[in-house]
C-alpha atoms as a PDB file:
ATOM      1  CA  MET A   1      25.376  34.222 -20.127  1.00  0.00           C
ATOM      2  CA  ARG A   2      22.739  32.262 -17.859  1.00  0.00           C
ATOM      3  CA  HIS A   3      20.913  35.365 -16.671  1.00  0.00           C
ATOM      4  CA  ARG A   4      17.199  34.548 -15.216  1.00  0.00           C
ATOM      5  CA  LYS A   5      17.630  31.162 -16.563  1.00  0.00           C
ATOM      6  CA  ALA A   6      15.584  28.983 -14.287  1.00  0.00           C
ATOM      7  CA  GLY A   7      16.432  25.251 -13.405  1.00  0.00           C
ATOM      8  CA  ARG A   8      19.375  22.802 -13.795  1.00  0.00           C
ATOM      9  CA  LYS A   9      20.260  21.286 -16.668  1.00  0.00           C
ATOM     10  CA  LEU A  10      21.685  18.006 -14.921  1.00  0.00           C
ATOM     11  CA  GLY A  11      24.139  16.882 -17.647  1.00  0.00           C
ATOM     12  CA  ARG A  12      21.033  16.195 -19.986  1.00  0.00           C
ATOM     13  CA  HIS A  13      19.446  17.569 -22.914  1.00  0.00           C
ATOM     14  CA  SER A  14      15.816  18.695 -22.621  1.00  0.00           C
ATOM     15  CA  SER A  15      13.778  15.569 -23.370  1.00  0.00           C
ATOM     16  CA  HIS A  16      15.991  13.438 -21.639  1.00  0.00           C
ATOM     17  CA  ARG A  17      15.996  15.711 -18.629  1.00  0.00           C
ATOM     18  CA  LEU A  18      11.563  16.020 -18.526  1.00  0.00           C
ATOM     19  CA  ALA A  19      11.972  12.235 -18.769  1.00  0.00           C
ATOM     20  CA  LEU A  20      14.244  11.878 -15.862  1.00  0.00           C
ATOM     21  CA  LEU A  21      11.973  13.911 -13.851  1.00  0.00           C
ATOM     22  CA  ARG A  22       8.752  12.576 -14.775  1.00  0.00           C
ATOM     23  CA  ASN A  23      10.013   8.970 -13.653  1.00  0.00           C
ATOM     24  CA  GLN A  24      11.447  10.353 -10.561  1.00  0.00           C
ATOM     25  CA  ALA A  25       8.246  12.247  -9.841  1.00  0.00           C
ATOM     26  CA  GLN A  26       6.222   8.973 -10.631  1.00  0.00           C
ATOM     27  CA  GLU A  27       8.363   7.160  -7.883  1.00  0.00           C
ATOM     28  CA  LEU A  28       8.104   9.648  -5.455  1.00  0.00           C
ATOM     29  CA  LEU A  29       4.448   9.486  -5.487  1.00  0.00           C
ATOM     30  CA  ARG A  30       4.429   5.977  -5.479  1.00  0.00           C
ATOM     31  CA  HIS A  31       6.490   5.228  -2.676  1.00  0.00           C
ATOM     32  CA  GLY A  32       6.287   8.565  -0.793  1.00  0.00           C
ATOM     33  CA  ARG A  33      10.346   8.786  -0.719  1.00  0.00           C
ATOM     34  CA  ILE A  34      13.397   8.386  -3.224  1.00  0.00           C
ATOM     35  CA  THR A  35      17.148   8.666  -2.828  1.00  0.00           C
ATOM     36  CA  THR A  36      18.946  10.544  -5.709  1.00  0.00           C
ATOM     37  CA  THR A  37      21.464  13.554  -5.864  1.00  0.00           C
ATOM     38  CA  VAL A  38      21.119  16.625  -4.314  1.00  0.00           C
ATOM     39  CA  PRO A  39      20.743  18.624  -7.700  1.00  0.00           C
ATOM     40  CA  LYS A  40      18.042  16.209  -8.935  1.00  0.00           C
ATOM     41  CA  ALA A  41      16.189  16.266  -5.787  1.00  0.00           C
ATOM     42  CA  LYS A  42      16.059  20.037  -5.623  1.00  0.00           C
ATOM     43  CA  GLU A  43      14.906  20.066  -9.119  1.00  0.00           C
ATOM     44  CA  LEU A  44      12.401  17.123  -8.717  1.00  0.00           C
ATOM     45  CA  ARG A  45      10.690  19.289  -6.130  1.00  0.00           C
ATOM     46  CA  ARG A  46      10.176  22.083  -8.257  1.00  0.00           C
ATOM     47  CA  PHE A  47       8.649  19.619 -10.755  1.00  0.00           C
ATOM     48  CA  VAL A  48       6.344  17.513  -8.039  1.00  0.00           C
ATOM     49  CA  GLU A  49       4.749  20.309  -5.937  1.00  0.00           C
ATOM     50  CA  PRO A  50       2.837  22.037  -8.893  1.00  0.00           C
ATOM     51  CA  LEU A  51       1.422  18.552  -9.638  1.00  0.00           C
ATOM     52  CA  ILE A  52       0.140  18.195  -6.151  1.00  0.00           C
ATOM     53  CA  THR A  53      -1.116  21.799  -6.006  1.00  0.00           C
ATOM     54  CA  VAL A  54      -3.237  21.112  -9.285  1.00  0.00           C
ATOM     55  CA  ALA A  55      -4.277  17.769  -7.781  1.00  0.00           C
ATOM     56  CA  LYS A  56      -5.747  19.160  -4.693  1.00  0.00           C
ATOM     57  CA  ARG A  57      -8.251  20.728  -7.071  1.00  0.00           C
ATOM     58  CA  GLY A  58      -9.581  17.305  -7.666  1.00  0.00           C
ATOM     59  CA  ASP A  59     -11.499  17.875 -10.768  1.00  0.00           C
ATOM     60  CA  LEU A  60     -11.538  16.220 -13.981  1.00  0.00           C
ATOM     61  CA  ALA A  61      -9.376  19.016 -15.717  1.00  0.00           C
ATOM     62  CA  ALA A  62      -6.847  18.582 -12.962  1.00  0.00           C
ATOM     63  CA  ARG A  63      -6.634  14.820 -13.279  1.00  0.00           C
ATOM     64  CA  ARG A  64      -6.082  15.041 -17.080  1.00  0.00           C
ATOM     65  CA  ARG A  65      -3.165  18.053 -16.095  1.00  0.00           C
ATOM     66  CA  VAL A  66      -1.522  15.620 -14.003  1.00  0.00           C
ATOM     67  CA  LEU A  67      -2.004  12.751 -16.598  1.00  0.00           C
ATOM     68  CA  ARG A  68       0.100  15.218 -19.090  1.00  0.00           C
ATOM     69  CA  ASP A  69       3.393  14.443 -16.807  1.00  0.00           C
ATOM     70  CA  ILE A  70       2.527  11.052 -14.726  1.00  0.00           C
ATOM     71  CA  HIS A  71       1.568   8.527 -17.400  1.00  0.00           C
ATOM     72  CA  ASP A  72       0.893   5.650 -14.796  1.00  0.00           C
ATOM     73  CA  LYS A  73      -2.894   5.989 -13.734  1.00  0.00           C
ATOM     74  CA  ALA A  74      -2.666   3.998 -10.478  1.00  0.00           C
ATOM     75  CA  VAL A  75       0.150   6.610  -9.399  1.00  0.00           C
ATOM     76  CA  VAL A  76      -2.333   9.528 -10.300  1.00  0.00           C
ATOM     77  CA  ARG A  77      -5.141   7.584  -8.731  1.00  0.00           C
ATOM     78  CA  LYS A  78      -3.049   7.568  -5.501  1.00  0.00           C
ATOM     79  CA  LEU A  79      -2.309  11.117  -5.777  1.00  0.00           C
ATOM     80  CA  PHE A  80      -5.818  12.278  -6.216  1.00  0.00           C
ATOM     81  CA  ASP A  81      -7.360   9.943  -3.688  1.00  0.00           C
ATOM     82  CA  GLU A  82      -4.437   9.671  -1.022  1.00  0.00           C
ATOM     83  CA  ILE A  83      -1.567  12.314  -1.234  1.00  0.00           C
ATOM     84  CA  ALA A  84      -3.797  15.230  -2.250  1.00  0.00           C
ATOM     85  CA  PRO A  85      -6.478  15.175   0.670  1.00  0.00           C
ATOM     86  CA  LEU A  86      -3.394  14.751   3.282  1.00  0.00           C
ATOM     87  CA  MET A  87      -1.955  18.238   1.785  1.00  0.00           C
ATOM     88  CA  ALA A  88      -5.200  19.747   1.650  1.00  0.00           C
ATOM     89  CA  GLU A  89      -4.676  22.390   4.493  1.00  0.00           C
ATOM     90  CA  ARG A  90      -1.111  22.607   3.483  1.00  0.00           C
ATOM     91  CA  PRO A  91      -0.579  25.757   1.355  1.00  0.00           C
ATOM     92  CA  GLY A  92       2.791  24.503  -0.387  1.00  0.00           C
ATOM     93  CA  GLY A  93       6.002  22.818   0.722  1.00  0.00           C
ATOM     94  CA  TYR A  94       4.688  19.332   0.286  1.00  0.00           C
ATOM     95  CA  THR A  95       8.201  17.832  -0.037  1.00  0.00           C
ATOM     96  CA  ARG A  96      11.054  17.792   2.295  1.00  0.00           C
ATOM     97  CA  VAL A  97      14.926  17.412   0.740  1.00  0.00           C
ATOM     98  CA  LEU A  98      17.238  15.820   3.366  1.00  0.00           C
ATOM     99  CA  LYS A  99      21.020  15.721   2.704  1.00  0.00           C
ATOM    100  CA  LEU A 100      22.658  12.336   3.257  1.00  0.00           C
ATOM    101  CA  ALA A 101      25.914  11.871   4.903  1.00  0.00           C
ATOM    102  CA  GLU A 102      26.718   9.489   2.279  1.00  0.00           C
ATOM    103  CA  ARG A 103      27.900   9.787  -1.050  1.00  0.00           C
ATOM    104  CA  ARG A 104      27.585   7.590  -4.074  1.00  0.00           C
ATOM    105  CA  LYS A 105      29.883   4.999  -4.398  1.00  0.00           C
ATOM    106  CA  GLY A 106      30.449   5.303  -8.289  1.00  0.00           C
ATOM    107  CA  ASP A 107      31.488   9.093  -8.582  1.00  0.00           C
ATOM    108  CA  GLY A 108      30.800  10.611  -4.843  1.00  0.00           C
ATOM    109  CA  SER A 109      28.188  12.695  -5.868  1.00  0.00           C
ATOM    110  CA  PRO A 110      26.210  14.067  -2.718  1.00  0.00           C
ATOM    111  CA  LEU A 111      23.103  12.044  -2.000  1.00  0.00           C
ATOM    112  CA  ALA A 112      19.759  13.597  -0.697  1.00  0.00           C
ATOM    113  CA  LEU A 113      16.385  11.699   0.159  1.00  0.00           C
ATOM    114  CA  ILE A 114      13.558  13.592  -0.862  1.00  0.00           C
ATOM    115  CA  GLU A 115      10.017  12.555   0.476  1.00  0.00           C
ATOM    116  CA  LEU A 116       6.446  13.745   0.415  1.00  0.00           C
ATOM    117  CA  VAL A 117       5.809  15.807   4.243  1.00  0.00           C
ATOM    118  CA  GLY A 118       3.471  13.472   6.317  1.00  0.00           C
ATOM    119  CA  MET A 119       4.100  10.238   3.904  1.00  0.00           C
ATOM    120  CA  GLY A 120       7.533   9.724   4.979  1.00  0.00           C
ATOM    121  CA  ARG A 121       8.835   9.034   8.612  1.00  0.00           C
ATOM    122  CA  PRO A 122       5.999   9.709  11.188  1.00  0.00           C
ATOM    123  CA  GLU A 123       6.415  13.613  12.676  1.00  0.00           C
ATOM    124  CA  PRO A 124       7.551  13.540  16.146  1.00  0.00           C
ATOM    125  CA  GLU A 125       4.328  14.296  18.664  1.00  0.00           C
ATOM    126  CA  ALA A 126       4.795  17.471  20.679  1.00  0.00           C
ATOM    127  CA  GLU A 127       5.283  16.858  24.254  1.00  0.00           C
ATOM    128  CA  GLU A 128       2.903  18.352  26.636  1.00  0.00           C
ATOM    129  CA  LYS A 129       4.527  19.686  29.566  1.00  0.00           C
ATOM    130  CA  ALA A 130       2.520  19.525  32.807  1.00  0.00           C
END
């Protein structure tokens, strides 16, 4: 029984799953948005959001903690210099998962777009009513 076993296995053993999440997190932080399957996007959200929370502290220990999972120093620099200041006022919910209408061509798996809030498409301005 899988009672109280958090997380999806994604059809991979643990080291492969960790490598997948690290690679996808790196690309998400580099580009601001990526397209993947719905279960991978939901797991990626659980992986990336704590990294952004740690990066908001901005100290050396936080940078070293993030470097454990994101091995590209340029991406870590972008996280600390650009992304974390944008998310400073936000208490959580740094990513958005949007389910796409299309499915993957090979196996028909449902696709999703995961993006950093405020980094992807521009937010619609609240129109003032006179």
